[in-house]
Amino acid sequence: FVDRRPMTRVTLTPQGREAWIAYL
């Protein structure tokens, strides 16, 4: 929560980065 408002942050994991590079 930031100033009483919900905040969702998303990060690419190392596994996700590897999968993305393999996909490309």
mmCIF file of all heavy atoms, coordinates in Angstrom:
data_MODEL
# 
_entry.id   MODEL 
# 
loop_
_atom_site.group_PDB 
_atom_site.id 
_atom_site.type_symbol 
_atom_site.label_atom_id 
_atom_site.label_alt_id 
_atom_site.label_comp_id 
_atom_site.label_asym_id 
_atom_site.label_entity_id 
_atom_site.label_seq_id 
_atom_site.pdbx_PDB_ins_code 
_atom_site.Cartn_x 
_atom_site.Cartn_y 
_atom_site.Cartn_z 
_atom_site.occupancy 
_atom_site.B_iso_or_equiv 
_atom_site.pdbx_formal_charge 
_atom_site.auth_seq_id 
_atom_site.auth_comp_id 
_atom_site.auth_asym_id 
_atom_site.auth_atom_id 
_atom_site.pdbx_PDB_model_num 
ATOM 1   N N   . PHE A 1 1  ? 0.847  -1.185  0.000   1.00 0.00 ? 1  PHE A N   1 
ATOM 2   C CA  . PHE A 1 1  ? 0.000  0.000   0.000   1.00 0.00 ? 1  PHE A CA  1 
ATOM 3   C C   . PHE A 1 1  ? 0.882  1.233   0.000   1.00 0.00 ? 1  PHE A C   1 
ATOM 4   O O   . PHE A 1 1  ? 1.890  1.296   0.708   1.00 0.00 ? 1  PHE A O   1 
ATOM 5   C CB  . PHE A 1 1  ? -0.921 0.023   1.231   1.00 0.00 ? 1  PHE A CB  1 
ATOM 6   C CG  . PHE A 1 1  ? -2.061 -0.947  1.125   1.00 0.00 ? 1  PHE A CG  1 
ATOM 7   C CD1 . PHE A 1 1  ? -1.920 -2.249  1.571   1.00 0.00 ? 1  PHE A CD1 1 
ATOM 8   C CD2 . PHE A 1 1  ? -3.270 -0.550  0.573   1.00 0.00 ? 1  PHE A CD2 1 
ATOM 9   C CE1 . PHE A 1 1  ? -2.962 -3.148  1.465   1.00 0.00 ? 1  PHE A CE1 1 
ATOM 10  C CE2 . PHE A 1 1  ? -4.315 -1.444  0.465   1.00 0.00 ? 1  PHE A CE2 1 
ATOM 11  C CZ  . PHE A 1 1  ? -4.172 -2.742  0.908   1.00 0.00 ? 1  PHE A CZ  1 
ATOM 12  N N   . VAL A 1 2  ? 0.518  2.212   -0.812  1.00 0.00 ? 2  VAL A N   1 
ATOM 13  C CA  . VAL A 1 2  ? 1.201  3.497   -0.865  1.00 0.00 ? 2  VAL A CA  1 
ATOM 14  C C   . VAL A 1 2  ? 0.123  4.563   -0.673  1.00 0.00 ? 2  VAL A C   1 
ATOM 15  O O   . VAL A 1 2  ? -0.809 4.654   -1.474  1.00 0.00 ? 2  VAL A O   1 
ATOM 16  C CB  . VAL A 1 2  ? 1.941  3.695   -2.213  1.00 0.00 ? 2  VAL A CB  1 
ATOM 17  C CG1 . VAL A 1 2  ? 2.553  5.075   -2.289  1.00 0.00 ? 2  VAL A CG1 1 
ATOM 18  C CG2 . VAL A 1 2  ? 2.986  2.614   -2.407  1.00 0.00 ? 2  VAL A CG2 1 
ATOM 19  N N   . ASP A 1 3  ? 0.254  5.332   0.400   1.00 0.00 ? 3  ASP A N   1 
ATOM 20  C CA  . ASP A 1 3  ? -0.770 6.333   0.726   1.00 0.00 ? 3  ASP A CA  1 
ATOM 21  C C   . ASP A 1 3  ? -2.161 5.719   0.762   1.00 0.00 ? 3  ASP A C   1 
ATOM 22  O O   . ASP A 1 3  ? -3.112 6.244   0.191   1.00 0.00 ? 3  ASP A O   1 
ATOM 23  C CB  . ASP A 1 3  ? -0.729 7.504   -0.270  1.00 0.00 ? 3  ASP A CB  1 
ATOM 24  C CG  . ASP A 1 3  ? 0.558  8.283   -0.197  1.00 0.00 ? 3  ASP A CG  1 
ATOM 25  O OD1 . ASP A 1 3  ? 1.142  8.366   0.910   1.00 0.00 ? 3  ASP A OD1 1 
ATOM 26  O OD2 . ASP A 1 3  ? 0.989  8.802   -1.240  1.00 0.00 ? 3  ASP A OD2 1 
ATOM 27  N N   . ARG A 1 4  ? -2.252 4.571   1.404   1.00 0.00 ? 4  ARG A N   1 
ATOM 28  C CA  . ARG A 1 4  ? -3.519 3.839   1.581   1.00 0.00 ? 4  ARG A CA  1 
ATOM 29  C C   . ARG A 1 4  ? -4.122 3.304   0.286   1.00 0.00 ? 4  ARG A C   1 
ATOM 30  O O   . ARG A 1 4  ? -5.272 2.889   0.254   1.00 0.00 ? 4  ARG A O   1 
ATOM 31  C CB  . ARG A 1 4  ? -4.549 4.699   2.298   1.00 0.00 ? 4  ARG A CB  1 
ATOM 32  C CG  . ARG A 1 4  ? -4.142 5.072   3.687   1.00 0.00 ? 4  ARG A CG  1 
ATOM 33  C CD  . ARG A 1 4  ? -5.239 5.827   4.353   1.00 0.00 ? 4  ARG A CD  1 
ATOM 34  N NE  . ARG A 1 4  ? -4.772 6.334   5.641   1.00 0.00 ? 4  ARG A NE  1 
ATOM 35  C CZ  . ARG A 1 4  ? -5.491 7.060   6.435   1.00 0.00 ? 4  ARG A CZ  1 
ATOM 36  N NH1 . ARG A 1 4  ? -6.725 7.375   6.095   1.00 0.00 ? 4  ARG A NH1 1 
ATOM 37  N NH2 . ARG A 1 4  ? -5.004 7.477   7.571   1.00 0.00 ? 4  ARG A NH2 1 
ATOM 38  N N   . ARG A 1 5  ? -3.347 3.326   -0.767  1.00 0.00 ? 5  ARG A N   1 
ATOM 39  C CA  . ARG A 1 5  ? -3.825 2.788   -2.040  1.00 0.00 ? 5  ARG A CA  1 
ATOM 40  C C   . ARG A 1 5  ? -3.025 1.537   -2.378  1.00 0.00 ? 5  ARG A C   1 
ATOM 41  O O   . ARG A 1 5  ? -1.807 1.511   -2.187  1.00 0.00 ? 5  ARG A O   1 
ATOM 42  C CB  . ARG A 1 5  ? -3.664 3.829   -3.144  1.00 0.00 ? 5  ARG A CB  1 
ATOM 43  C CG  . ARG A 1 5  ? -4.495 5.082   -2.875  1.00 0.00 ? 5  ARG A CG  1 
ATOM 44  C CD  . ARG A 1 5  ? -4.307 6.110   -3.935  1.00 0.00 ? 5  ARG A CD  1 
ATOM 45  N NE  . ARG A 1 5  ? -4.937 5.640   -5.165  1.00 0.00 ? 5  ARG A NE  1 
ATOM 46  C CZ  . ARG A 1 5  ? -4.713 6.180   -6.342  1.00 0.00 ? 5  ARG A CZ  1 
ATOM 47  N NH1 . ARG A 1 5  ? -3.886 7.184   -6.477  1.00 0.00 ? 5  ARG A NH1 1 
ATOM 48  N NH2 . ARG A 1 5  ? -5.330 5.717   -7.406  1.00 0.00 ? 5  ARG A NH2 1 
ATOM 49  N N   . PRO A 1 6  ? -3.686 0.508   -2.886  1.00 0.00 ? 6  PRO A N   1 
ATOM 50  C CA  . PRO A 1 6  ? -2.949 -0.712  -3.233  1.00 0.00 ? 6  PRO A CA  1 
ATOM 51  C C   . PRO A 1 6  ? -1.975 -0.463  -4.382  1.00 0.00 ? 6  PRO A C   1 
ATOM 52  O O   . PRO A 1 6  ? -2.280 0.264   -5.328  1.00 0.00 ? 6  PRO A O   1 
ATOM 53  C CB  . PRO A 1 6  ? -4.037 -1.699  -3.645  1.00 0.00 ? 6  PRO A CB  1 
ATOM 54  C CG  . PRO A 1 6  ? -5.237 -0.877  -3.938  1.00 0.00 ? 6  PRO A CG  1 
ATOM 55  C CD  . PRO A 1 6  ? -5.111 0.402   -3.186  1.00 0.00 ? 6  PRO A CD  1 
ATOM 56  N N   . MET A 1 7  ? -0.790 -1.049  -4.255  1.00 0.00 ? 7  MET A N   1 
ATOM 57  C CA  . MET A 1 7  ? 0.240  -0.927  -5.286  1.00 0.00 ? 7  MET A CA  1 
ATOM 58  C C   . MET A 1 7  ? 0.746  -2.322  -5.593  1.00 0.00 ? 7  MET A C   1 
ATOM 59  O O   . MET A 1 7  ? 1.210  -3.034  -4.708  1.00 0.00 ? 7  MET A O   1 
ATOM 60  C CB  . MET A 1 7  ? 1.377  -0.045  -4.804  1.00 0.00 ? 7  MET A CB  1 
ATOM 61  C CG  . MET A 1 7  ? 2.567  -0.007  -5.734  1.00 0.00 ? 7  MET A CG  1 
ATOM 62  S SD  . MET A 1 7  ? 2.243  0.720   -7.343  1.00 0.00 ? 7  MET A SD  1 
ATOM 63  C CE  . MET A 1 7  ? 2.275  2.441   -6.926  1.00 0.00 ? 7  MET A CE  1 
ATOM 64  N N   . THR A 1 8  ? 0.643  -2.716  -6.845  1.00 0.00 ? 8  THR A N   1 
ATOM 65  C CA  . THR A 1 8  ? 1.149  -4.014  -7.290  1.00 0.00 ? 8  THR A CA  1 
ATOM 66  C C   . THR A 1 8  ? 2.327  -3.761  -8.216  1.00 0.00 ? 8  THR A C   1 
ATOM 67  O O   . THR A 1 8  ? 2.201  -3.037  -9.199  1.00 0.00 ? 8  THR A O   1 
ATOM 68  C CB  . THR A 1 8  ? 0.049  -4.809  -8.023  1.00 0.00 ? 8  THR A CB  1 
ATOM 69  O OG1 . THR A 1 8  ? -1.050 -5.008  -7.140  1.00 0.00 ? 8  THR A OG1 1 
ATOM 70  C CG2 . THR A 1 8  ? 0.570  -6.156  -8.493  1.00 0.00 ? 8  THR A CG2 1 
ATOM 71  N N   . ARG A 1 9  ? 3.459  -4.366  -7.873  1.00 0.00 ? 9  ARG A N   1 
ATOM 72  C CA  . ARG A 1 9  ? 4.653  -4.246  -8.706  1.00 0.00 ? 9  ARG A CA  1 
ATOM 73  C C   . ARG A 1 9  ? 5.038  -5.630  -9.201  1.00 0.00 ? 9  ARG A C   1 
ATOM 74  O O   . ARG A 1 9  ? 4.986  -6.604  -8.464  1.00 0.00 ? 9  ARG A O   1 
ATOM 75  C CB  . ARG A 1 9  ? 5.799  -3.626  -7.909  1.00 0.00 ? 9  ARG A CB  1 
ATOM 76  C CG  . ARG A 1 9  ? 5.574  -2.178  -7.565  1.00 0.00 ? 9  ARG A CG  1 
ATOM 77  C CD  . ARG A 1 9  ? 6.788  -1.590  -6.875  1.00 0.00 ? 9  ARG A CD  1 
ATOM 78  N NE  . ARG A 1 9  ? 6.548  -0.224  -6.472  1.00 0.00 ? 9  ARG A NE  1 
ATOM 79  C CZ  . ARG A 1 9  ? 6.083  0.151   -5.291  1.00 0.00 ? 9  ARG A CZ  1 
ATOM 80  N NH1 . ARG A 1 9  ? 5.791  -0.752  -4.393  1.00 0.00 ? 9  ARG A NH1 1 
ATOM 81  N NH2 . ARG A 1 9  ? 5.910  1.422   -5.010  1.00 0.00 ? 9  ARG A NH2 1 
ATOM 82  N N   . VAL A 1 10 ? 5.463  -5.680  -10.446 1.00 0.00 ? 10 VAL A N   1 
ATOM 83  C CA  . VAL A 1 10 ? 5.792  -6.952  -11.086 1.00 0.00 ? 10 VAL A CA  1 
ATOM 84  C C   . VAL A 1 10 ? 7.238  -6.906  -11.548 1.00 0.00 ? 10 VAL A C   1 
ATOM 85  O O   . VAL A 1 10 ? 7.684  -5.909  -12.125 1.00 0.00 ? 10 VAL A O   1 
ATOM 86  C CB  . VAL A 1 10 ? 4.858  -7.214  -12.291 1.00 0.00 ? 10 VAL A CB  1 
ATOM 87  C CG1 . VAL A 1 10 ? 5.133  -8.579  -12.897 1.00 0.00 ? 10 VAL A CG1 1 
ATOM 88  C CG2 . VAL A 1 10 ? 3.400  -7.084  -11.880 1.00 0.00 ? 10 VAL A CG2 1 
ATOM 89  N N   . THR A 1 11 ? 7.965  -7.987  -11.292 1.00 0.00 ? 11 THR A N   1 
ATOM 90  C CA  . THR A 1 11 ? 9.370  -8.098  -11.677 1.00 0.00 ? 11 THR A CA  1 
ATOM 91  C C   . THR A 1 11 ? 9.573  -9.395  -12.446 1.00 0.00 ? 11 THR A C   1 
ATOM 92  O O   . THR A 1 11 ? 9.017  -10.438 -12.093 1.00 0.00 ? 11 THR A O   1 
ATOM 93  C CB  . THR A 1 11 ? 10.270 -8.130  -10.425 1.00 0.00 ? 11 THR A CB  1 
ATOM 94  O OG1 . THR A 1 11 ? 9.962  -7.018  -9.593  1.00 0.00 ? 11 THR A OG1 1 
ATOM 95  C CG2 . THR A 1 11 ? 11.730 -8.101  -10.794 1.00 0.00 ? 11 THR A CG2 1 
ATOM 96  N N   . LEU A 1 12 ? 10.382 -9.337  -13.487 1.00 0.00 ? 12 LEU A N   1 
ATOM 97  C CA  . LEU A 1 12 ? 10.756 -10.536 -14.223 1.00 0.00 ? 12 LEU A CA  1 
ATOM 98  C C   . LEU A 1 12 ? 11.779 -11.313 -13.397 1.00 0.00 ? 12 LEU A C   1 
ATOM 99  O O   . LEU A 1 12 ? 12.764 -10.747 -12.929 1.00 0.00 ? 12 LEU A O   1 
ATOM 100 C CB  . LEU A 1 12 ? 11.363 -10.124 -15.570 1.00 0.00 ? 12 LEU A CB  1 
ATOM 101 C CG  . LEU A 1 12 ? 11.530 -11.182 -16.640 1.00 0.00 ? 12 LEU A CG  1 
ATOM 102 C CD1 . LEU A 1 12 ? 10.181 -11.758 -17.047 1.00 0.00 ? 12 LEU A CD1 1 
ATOM 103 C CD2 . LEU A 1 12 ? 12.215 -10.577 -17.850 1.00 0.00 ? 12 LEU A CD2 1 
ATOM 104 N N   . THR A 1 13 ? 11.547 -12.598 -13.194 1.00 0.00 ? 13 THR A N   1 
ATOM 105 C CA  . THR A 1 13 ? 12.484 -13.421 -12.427 1.00 0.00 ? 13 THR A CA  1 
ATOM 106 C C   . THR A 1 13 ? 13.638 -13.866 -13.331 1.00 0.00 ? 13 THR A C   1 
ATOM 107 O O   . THR A 1 13 ? 13.527 -13.800 -14.566 1.00 0.00 ? 13 THR A O   1 
ATOM 108 C CB  . THR A 1 13 ? 11.780 -14.674 -11.867 1.00 0.00 ? 13 THR A CB  1 
ATOM 109 O OG1 . THR A 1 13 ? 11.357 -15.481 -12.967 1.00 0.00 ? 13 THR A OG1 1 
ATOM 110 C CG2 . THR A 1 13 ? 10.594 -14.320 -10.979 1.00 0.00 ? 13 THR A CG2 1 
ATOM 111 N N   . PRO A 1 14 ? 14.733 -14.341 -12.739 1.00 0.00 ? 14 PRO A N   1 
ATOM 112 C CA  . PRO A 1 14 ? 15.812 -14.892 -13.577 1.00 0.00 ? 14 PRO A CA  1 
ATOM 113 C C   . PRO A 1 14 ? 15.306 -16.012 -14.490 1.00 0.00 ? 14 PRO A C   1 
ATOM 114 O O   . PRO A 1 14 ? 15.690 -16.082 -15.659 1.00 0.00 ? 14 PRO A O   1 
ATOM 115 C CB  . PRO A 1 14 ? 16.824 -15.405 -12.554 1.00 0.00 ? 14 PRO A CB  1 
ATOM 116 C CG  . PRO A 1 14 ? 16.621 -14.517 -11.356 1.00 0.00 ? 14 PRO A CG  1 
ATOM 117 C CD  . PRO A 1 14 ? 15.122 -14.279 -11.325 1.00 0.00 ? 14 PRO A CD  1 
ATOM 118 N N   . GLN A 1 15 ? 14.437 -16.869 -13.969 1.00 0.00 ? 15 GLN A N   1 
ATOM 119 C CA  . GLN A 1 15 ? 13.855 -17.949 -14.785 1.00 0.00 ? 15 GLN A CA  1 
ATOM 120 C C   . GLN A 1 15 ? 13.018 -17.366 -15.920 1.00 0.00 ? 15 GLN A C   1 
ATOM 121 O O   . GLN A 1 15 ? 13.063 -17.860 -17.048 1.00 0.00 ? 15 GLN A O   1 
ATOM 122 C CB  . GLN A 1 15 ? 12.983 -18.852 -13.909 1.00 0.00 ? 15 GLN A CB  1 
ATOM 123 C CG  . GLN A 1 15 ? 12.341 -19.995 -14.654 1.00 0.00 ? 15 GLN A CG  1 
ATOM 124 C CD  . GLN A 1 15 ? 11.424 -20.825 -13.770 1.00 0.00 ? 15 GLN A CD  1 
ATOM 125 O OE1 . GLN A 1 15 ? 11.388 -20.661 -12.556 1.00 0.00 ? 15 GLN A OE1 1 
ATOM 126 N NE2 . GLN A 1 15 ? 10.676 -21.720 -14.390 1.00 0.00 ? 15 GLN A NE2 1 
ATOM 127 N N   . GLY A 1 16 ? 12.281 -16.309 -15.641 1.00 0.00 ? 16 GLY A N   1 
ATOM 128 C CA  . GLY A 1 16 ? 11.477 -15.658 -16.672 1.00 0.00 ? 16 GLY A CA  1 
ATOM 129 C C   . GLY A 1 16 ? 12.340 -15.023 -17.743 1.00 0.00 ? 16 GLY A C   1 
ATOM 130 O O   . GLY A 1 16 ? 12.026 -15.095 -18.933 1.00 0.00 ? 16 GLY A O   1 
ATOM 131 N N   . ARG A 1 17 ? 13.447 -14.401 -17.329 1.00 0.00 ? 17 ARG A N   1 
ATOM 132 C CA  . ARG A 1 17 ? 14.366 -13.784 -18.294 1.00 0.00 ? 17 ARG A CA  1 
ATOM 133 C C   . ARG A 1 17 ? 14.977 -14.853 -19.206 1.00 0.00 ? 17 ARG A C   1 
ATOM 134 O O   . ARG A 1 17 ? 15.056 -14.671 -20.418 1.00 0.00 ? 17 ARG A O   1 
ATOM 135 C CB  . ARG A 1 17 ? 15.458 -13.005 -17.571 1.00 0.00 ? 17 ARG A CB  1 
ATOM 136 C CG  . ARG A 1 17 ? 16.337 -12.190 -18.510 1.00 0.00 ? 17 ARG A CG  1 
ATOM 137 C CD  . ARG A 1 17 ? 17.200 -11.193 -17.786 1.00 0.00 ? 17 ARG A CD  1 
ATOM 138 N NE  . ARG A 1 17 ? 16.466 -10.224 -17.014 1.00 0.00 ? 17 ARG A NE  1 
ATOM 139 C CZ  . ARG A 1 17 ? 15.838 -9.157  -17.498 1.00 0.00 ? 17 ARG A CZ  1 
ATOM 140 N NH1 . ARG A 1 17 ? 15.836 -8.941  -18.796 1.00 0.00 ? 17 ARG A NH1 1 
ATOM 141 N NH2 . ARG A 1 17 ? 15.209 -8.322  -16.714 1.00 0.00 ? 17 ARG A NH2 1 
ATOM 142 N N   . GLU A 1 18 ? 15.368 -15.979 -18.621 1.00 0.00 ? 18 GLU A N   1 
ATOM 143 C CA  . GLU A 1 18 ? 15.922 -17.080 -19.424 1.00 0.00 ? 18 GLU A CA  1 
ATOM 144 C C   . GLU A 1 18 ? 14.889 -17.605 -20.414 1.00 0.00 ? 18 GLU A C   1 
ATOM 145 O O   . GLU A 1 18 ? 15.215 -17.862 -21.576 1.00 0.00 ? 18 GLU A O   1 
ATOM 146 C CB  . GLU A 1 18 ? 16.390 -18.216 -18.509 1.00 0.00 ? 18 GLU A CB  1 
ATOM 147 C CG  . GLU A 1 18 ? 17.656 -17.921 -17.746 1.00 0.00 ? 18 GLU A CG  1 
ATOM 148 C CD  . GLU A 1 18 ? 18.053 -19.061 -16.826 1.00 0.00 ? 18 GLU A CD  1 
ATOM 149 O OE1 . GLU A 1 18 ? 17.622 -20.219 -17.067 1.00 0.00 ? 18 GLU A OE1 1 
ATOM 150 O OE2 . GLU A 1 18 ? 18.786 -18.793 -15.865 1.00 0.00 ? 18 GLU A OE2 1 
ATOM 151 N N   . ALA A 1 19 ? 13.659 -17.763 -19.955 1.00 0.00 ? 19 ALA A N   1 
ATOM 152 C CA  . ALA A 1 19 ? 12.598 -18.263 -20.835 1.00 0.00 ? 19 ALA A CA  1 
ATOM 153 C C   . ALA A 1 19 ? 12.325 -17.266 -21.964 1.00 0.00 ? 19 ALA A C   1 
ATOM 154 O O   . ALA A 1 19 ? 12.120 -17.663 -23.111 1.00 0.00 ? 19 ALA A O   1 
ATOM 155 C CB  . ALA A 1 19 ? 11.320 -18.518 -20.032 1.00 0.00 ? 19 ALA A CB  1 
ATOM 156 N N   . TRP A 1 20 ? 12.346 -15.976 -21.657 1.00 0.00 ? 20 TRP A N   1 
ATOM 157 C CA  . TRP A 1 20 ? 12.104 -14.950 -22.670 1.00 0.00 ? 20 TRP A CA  1 
ATOM 158 C C   . TRP A 1 20 ? 13.217 -14.959 -23.714 1.00 0.00 ? 20 TRP A C   1 
ATOM 159 O O   . TRP A 1 20 ? 12.947 -14.901 -24.918 1.00 0.00 ? 20 TRP A O   1 
ATOM 160 C CB  . TRP A 1 20 ? 11.975 -13.582 -22.010 1.00 0.00 ? 20 TRP A CB  1 
ATOM 161 C CG  . TRP A 1 20 ? 11.772 -12.475 -22.979 1.00 0.00 ? 20 TRP A CG  1 
ATOM 162 C CD1 . TRP A 1 20 ? 12.638 -11.470 -23.266 1.00 0.00 ? 20 TRP A CD1 1 
ATOM 163 C CD2 . TRP A 1 20 ? 10.629 -12.256 -23.816 1.00 0.00 ? 20 TRP A CD2 1 
ATOM 164 N NE1 . TRP A 1 20 ? 12.105 -10.645 -24.215 1.00 0.00 ? 20 TRP A NE1 1 
ATOM 165 C CE2 . TRP A 1 20 ? 10.870 -11.099 -24.583 1.00 0.00 ? 20 TRP A CE2 1 
ATOM 166 C CE3 . TRP A 1 20 ? 9.434  -12.930 -23.996 1.00 0.00 ? 20 TRP A CE3 1 
ATOM 167 C CZ2 . TRP A 1 20 ? 9.957  -10.609 -25.500 1.00 0.00 ? 20 TRP A CZ2 1 
ATOM 168 C CZ3 . TRP A 1 20 ? 8.524  -12.436 -24.917 1.00 0.00 ? 20 TRP A CZ3 1 
ATOM 169 C CH2 . TRP A 1 20 ? 8.785  -11.295 -25.660 1.00 0.00 ? 20 TRP A CH2 1 
ATOM 170 N N   . ILE A 1 21 ? 14.463 -15.052 -23.273 1.00 0.00 ? 21 ILE A N   1 
ATOM 171 C CA  . ILE A 1 21 ? 15.598 -15.081 -24.198 1.00 0.00 ? 21 ILE A CA  1 
ATOM 172 C C   . ILE A 1 21 ? 15.530 -16.325 -25.086 1.00 0.00 ? 21 ILE A C   1 
ATOM 173 O O   . ILE A 1 21 ? 15.766 -16.258 -26.294 1.00 0.00 ? 21 ILE A O   1 
ATOM 174 C CB  . ILE A 1 21 ? 16.932 -14.998 -23.430 1.00 0.00 ? 21 ILE A CB  1 
ATOM 175 C CG1 . ILE A 1 21 ? 17.066 -13.586 -22.824 1.00 0.00 ? 21 ILE A CG1 1 
ATOM 176 C CG2 . ILE A 1 21 ? 18.118 -15.324 -24.319 1.00 0.00 ? 21 ILE A CG2 1 
ATOM 177 C CD1 . ILE A 1 21 ? 18.196 -13.449 -21.813 1.00 0.00 ? 21 ILE A CD1 1 
ATOM 178 N N   . ALA A 1 22 ? 15.180 -17.464 -24.492 1.00 0.00 ? 22 ALA A N   1 
ATOM 179 C CA  . ALA A 1 22 ? 15.043 -18.700 -25.269 1.00 0.00 ? 22 ALA A CA  1 
ATOM 180 C C   . ALA A 1 22 ? 13.918 -18.555 -26.296 1.00 0.00 ? 22 ALA A C   1 
ATOM 181 O O   . ALA A 1 22 ? 14.052 -18.981 -27.451 1.00 0.00 ? 22 ALA A O   1 
ATOM 182 C CB  . ALA A 1 22 ? 14.771 -19.878 -24.346 1.00 0.00 ? 22 ALA A CB  1 
ATOM 183 N N   . TYR A 1 23 ? 12.810 -17.955 -25.892 1.00 0.00 ? 23 TYR A N   1 
ATOM 184 C CA  . TYR A 1 23 ? 11.684 -17.732 -26.805 1.00 0.00 ? 23 TYR A CA  1 
ATOM 185 C C   . TYR A 1 23 ? 12.118 -16.867 -27.985 1.00 0.00 ? 23 TYR A C   1 
ATOM 186 O O   . TYR A 1 23 ? 11.812 -17.180 -29.141 1.00 0.00 ? 23 TYR A O   1 
ATOM 187 C CB  . TYR A 1 23 ? 10.521 -17.075 -26.057 1.00 0.00 ? 23 TYR A CB  1 
ATOM 188 C CG  . TYR A 1 23 ? 9.425  -16.602 -26.973 1.00 0.00 ? 23 TYR A CG  1 
ATOM 189 C CD1 . TYR A 1 23 ? 8.507  -17.491 -27.508 1.00 0.00 ? 23 TYR A CD1 1 
ATOM 190 C CD2 . TYR A 1 23 ? 9.323  -15.255 -27.316 1.00 0.00 ? 23 TYR A CD2 1 
ATOM 191 C CE1 . TYR A 1 23 ? 7.510  -17.055 -28.372 1.00 0.00 ? 23 TYR A CE1 1 
ATOM 192 C CE2 . TYR A 1 23 ? 8.332  -14.814 -28.175 1.00 0.00 ? 23 TYR A CE2 1 
ATOM 193 C CZ  . TYR A 1 23 ? 7.430  -15.712 -28.693 1.00 0.00 ? 23 TYR A CZ  1 
ATOM 194 O OH  . TYR A 1 23 ? 6.456  -15.281 -29.540 1.00 0.00 ? 23 TYR A OH  1 
ATOM 195 N N   . LEU A 1 24 ? 12.824 -15.785 -27.708 1.00 0.00 ? 24 LEU A N   1 
ATOM 196 C CA  . LEU A 1 24 ? 13.283 -14.906 -28.782 1.00 0.00 ? 24 LEU A CA  1 
ATOM 197 C C   . LEU A 1 24 ? 14.240 -15.636 -29.721 1.00 0.00 ? 24 LEU A C   1 
ATOM 198 O O   . LEU A 1 24 ? 14.178 -15.456 -30.941 1.00 0.00 ? 24 LEU A O   1 
ATOM 199 C CB  . LEU A 1 24 ? 13.957 -13.660 -28.207 1.00 0.00 ? 24 LEU A CB  1 
ATOM 200 C CG  . LEU A 1 24 ? 13.047 -12.687 -27.467 1.00 0.00 ? 24 LEU A CG  1 
ATOM 201 C CD1 . LEU A 1 24 ? 13.856 -11.534 -26.899 1.00 0.00 ? 24 LEU A CD1 1 
ATOM 202 C CD2 . LEU A 1 24 ? 11.927 -12.192 -28.354 1.00 0.00 ? 24 LEU A CD2 1 
# 
